[in-house]
Amino acid sequence: MDLDKVIEFVLSRQNEDGGFTICKPLPSNLSDTFYAVRILKILNAEIPKEEKLLDFLRNNNSKDLHSLYFVLNSLNDLGVKVPDYSDYLIRIQNFAERDDSGFFSAWKTLFTL
């Protein structure tokens, strides 16, 4: 596999806002940005527009678990000290433990298989 071509492809998915999308001309999104950053870091590639990328990640207002995962791991991969969301995550965990609807127990079962 030609790793330079992989890097070139991933970099071609970066938008002007610093984030990434798998399908141009769609806007950047957190999951594609996470995977792009992870691939580029594994391959020791330089990431252009890093300040814009950091702004894209830091200015994301989503507080759902998937978004937090993508933002925090992307920031961590970029060597940035990540915000402390432990209180927020503990509240979600406490809510999940009290949930009678079965929603969180279904997720728990799914992720412990």
Protein backbone atom coordinates (compact mmCIF):
# COMPACT_ATOMS: atom_id res chain seq x y z
CA MET A 1 0.00 0.00 0.00
CA ASP A 2 1.29 3.42 -0.94
CA LEU A 3 1.05 5.37 2.33
CA ASP A 4 1.80 8.66 0.60
CA LYS A 5 -1.37 8.19 -1.45
CA VAL A 6 -3.33 7.46 1.73
CA ILE A 7 -2.02 10.67 3.30
CA GLU A 8 -2.76 12.61 0.12
CA PHE A 9 -6.34 11.30 0.05
CA VAL A 10 -6.99 12.08 3.72
CA LEU A 11 -5.56 15.59 3.37
CA SER A 12 -7.74 16.18 0.31
CA ARG A 13 -10.78 15.71 2.58
CA GLN A 14 -9.89 18.71 4.77
CA ASN A 15 -12.22 21.71 4.49
CA GLU A 16 -11.40 25.39 4.91
CA ASP A 17 -12.70 25.29 8.52
CA GLY A 18 -9.91 22.83 9.39
CA GLY A 19 -12.25 19.86 9.86
CA PHE A 20 -12.58 16.88 7.56
CA THR A 21 -15.32 15.19 5.58
CA ILE A 22 -15.19 11.93 3.65
CA CYS A 23 -17.45 13.30 0.95
CA LYS A 24 -16.70 16.74 -0.43
CA PRO A 25 -18.47 19.18 -0.74
CA LEU A 26 -20.26 18.19 2.49
CA PRO A 27 -19.37 20.15 5.62
CA SER A 28 -16.83 18.93 8.12
CA ASN A 29 -18.06 16.61 10.82
CA LEU A 30 -16.60 15.28 14.03
CA SER A 31 -16.40 11.60 13.15
CA ASP A 32 -14.62 12.13 9.83
CA THR A 33 -12.31 14.64 11.51
CA PHE A 34 -11.46 12.15 14.27
CA TYR A 35 -10.62 9.40 11.80
CA ALA A 36 -8.58 11.74 9.60
CA VAL A 37 -6.56 13.03 12.56
CA ARG A 38 -5.99 9.48 13.85
CA ILE A 39 -4.84 8.23 10.42
CA LEU A 40 -2.53 11.18 9.88
CA LYS A 41 -1.01 10.84 13.36
CA ILE A 42 -0.46 7.09 12.93
CA LEU A 43 1.29 7.80 9.63
CA ASN A 44 3.31 10.67 11.17
CA ALA A 45 1.94 13.11 8.61
CA GLU A 46 1.83 16.85 9.13
CA ILE A 47 -1.66 18.28 9.46
CA PRO A 48 -2.17 21.58 7.66
CA LYS A 49 -4.49 24.27 9.02
CA GLU A 50 -3.94 22.91 12.52
CA GLU A 51 -5.10 26.12 14.22
CA LYS A 52 -8.33 26.04 12.21
CA LEU A 53 -8.69 22.35 13.02
CA LEU A 54 -8.30 23.09 16.73
CA ASP A 55 -10.88 25.88 16.47
CA PHE A 56 -13.27 23.51 14.68
CA LEU A 57 -12.93 20.97 17.48
CA ARG A 58 -13.04 23.45 20.36
CA ASN A 59 -16.02 25.37 18.99
CA ASN A 60 -18.18 22.31 18.67
CA ASN A 61 -21.19 22.76 20.93
CA SER A 62 -22.44 19.18 20.90
CA LYS A 63 -22.49 17.52 24.27
CA ASP A 64 -23.69 14.05 23.25
CA LEU A 65 -21.37 11.15 24.02
CA HIS A 66 -20.37 10.46 20.42
CA SER A 67 -19.38 14.08 19.86
CA LEU A 68 -17.45 14.20 23.11
CA TYR A 69 -15.62 11.03 22.17
CA PHE A 70 -14.61 12.38 18.76
CA VAL A 71 -13.61 15.83 20.07
CA LEU A 72 -11.67 14.66 23.11
CA ASN A 73 -9.82 11.92 21.26
CA SER A 74 -8.99 14.22 18.34
CA LEU A 75 -7.65 16.87 20.72
CA ASN A 76 -5.68 14.23 22.58
CA ASP A 77 -4.19 12.93 19.31
CA LEU A 78 -3.15 16.50 18.51
CA GLY A 79 -1.37 16.76 21.87
CA VAL A 80 -3.87 19.20 23.39
CA LYS A 81 -4.83 19.03 27.04
CA VAL A 82 -8.46 17.98 26.91
CA PRO A 83 -11.23 19.58 28.97
CA ASP A 84 -12.41 17.73 32.05
CA TYR A 85 -15.86 16.32 31.33
CA SER A 86 -15.80 13.83 34.18
CA ASP A 87 -18.73 15.48 36.04
CA TYR A 88 -20.85 15.37 32.89
CA LEU A 89 -19.98 11.72 32.24
CA ILE A 90 -20.68 10.76 35.85
CA ARG A 91 -24.12 12.36 35.60
CA ILE A 92 -24.84 10.34 32.47
CA GLN A 93 -23.65 7.17 34.15
CA ASN A 94 -25.81 7.87 37.21
CA PHE A 95 -28.81 8.53 34.99
CA ALA A 96 -28.16 5.34 33.06
CA GLU A 97 -28.05 3.32 36.27
CA ARG A 98 -31.48 4.68 37.26
CA ASP A 99 -33.02 4.35 33.78
CA ASP A 100 -36.09 2.09 33.76
CA SER A 101 -36.78 2.33 30.02
CA GLY A 102 -34.22 -0.28 29.07
CA PHE A 103 -32.46 2.07 26.67
CA PHE A 104 -29.18 2.27 28.58
CA SER A 105 -29.27 -1.38 29.61
CA ALA A 106 -29.56 -2.27 25.92
CA TRP A 107 -26.49 -0.13 25.16
CA LYS A 108 -24.63 -1.62 28.10
CA THR A 109 -25.38 -5.13 26.84
CA LEU A 110 -24.33 -4.21 23.33
CA PHE A 111 -21.00 -2.74 24.42
CA THR A 112 -20.08 -5.56 26.79
CA LEU A 113 -20.43 -8.35 24.21
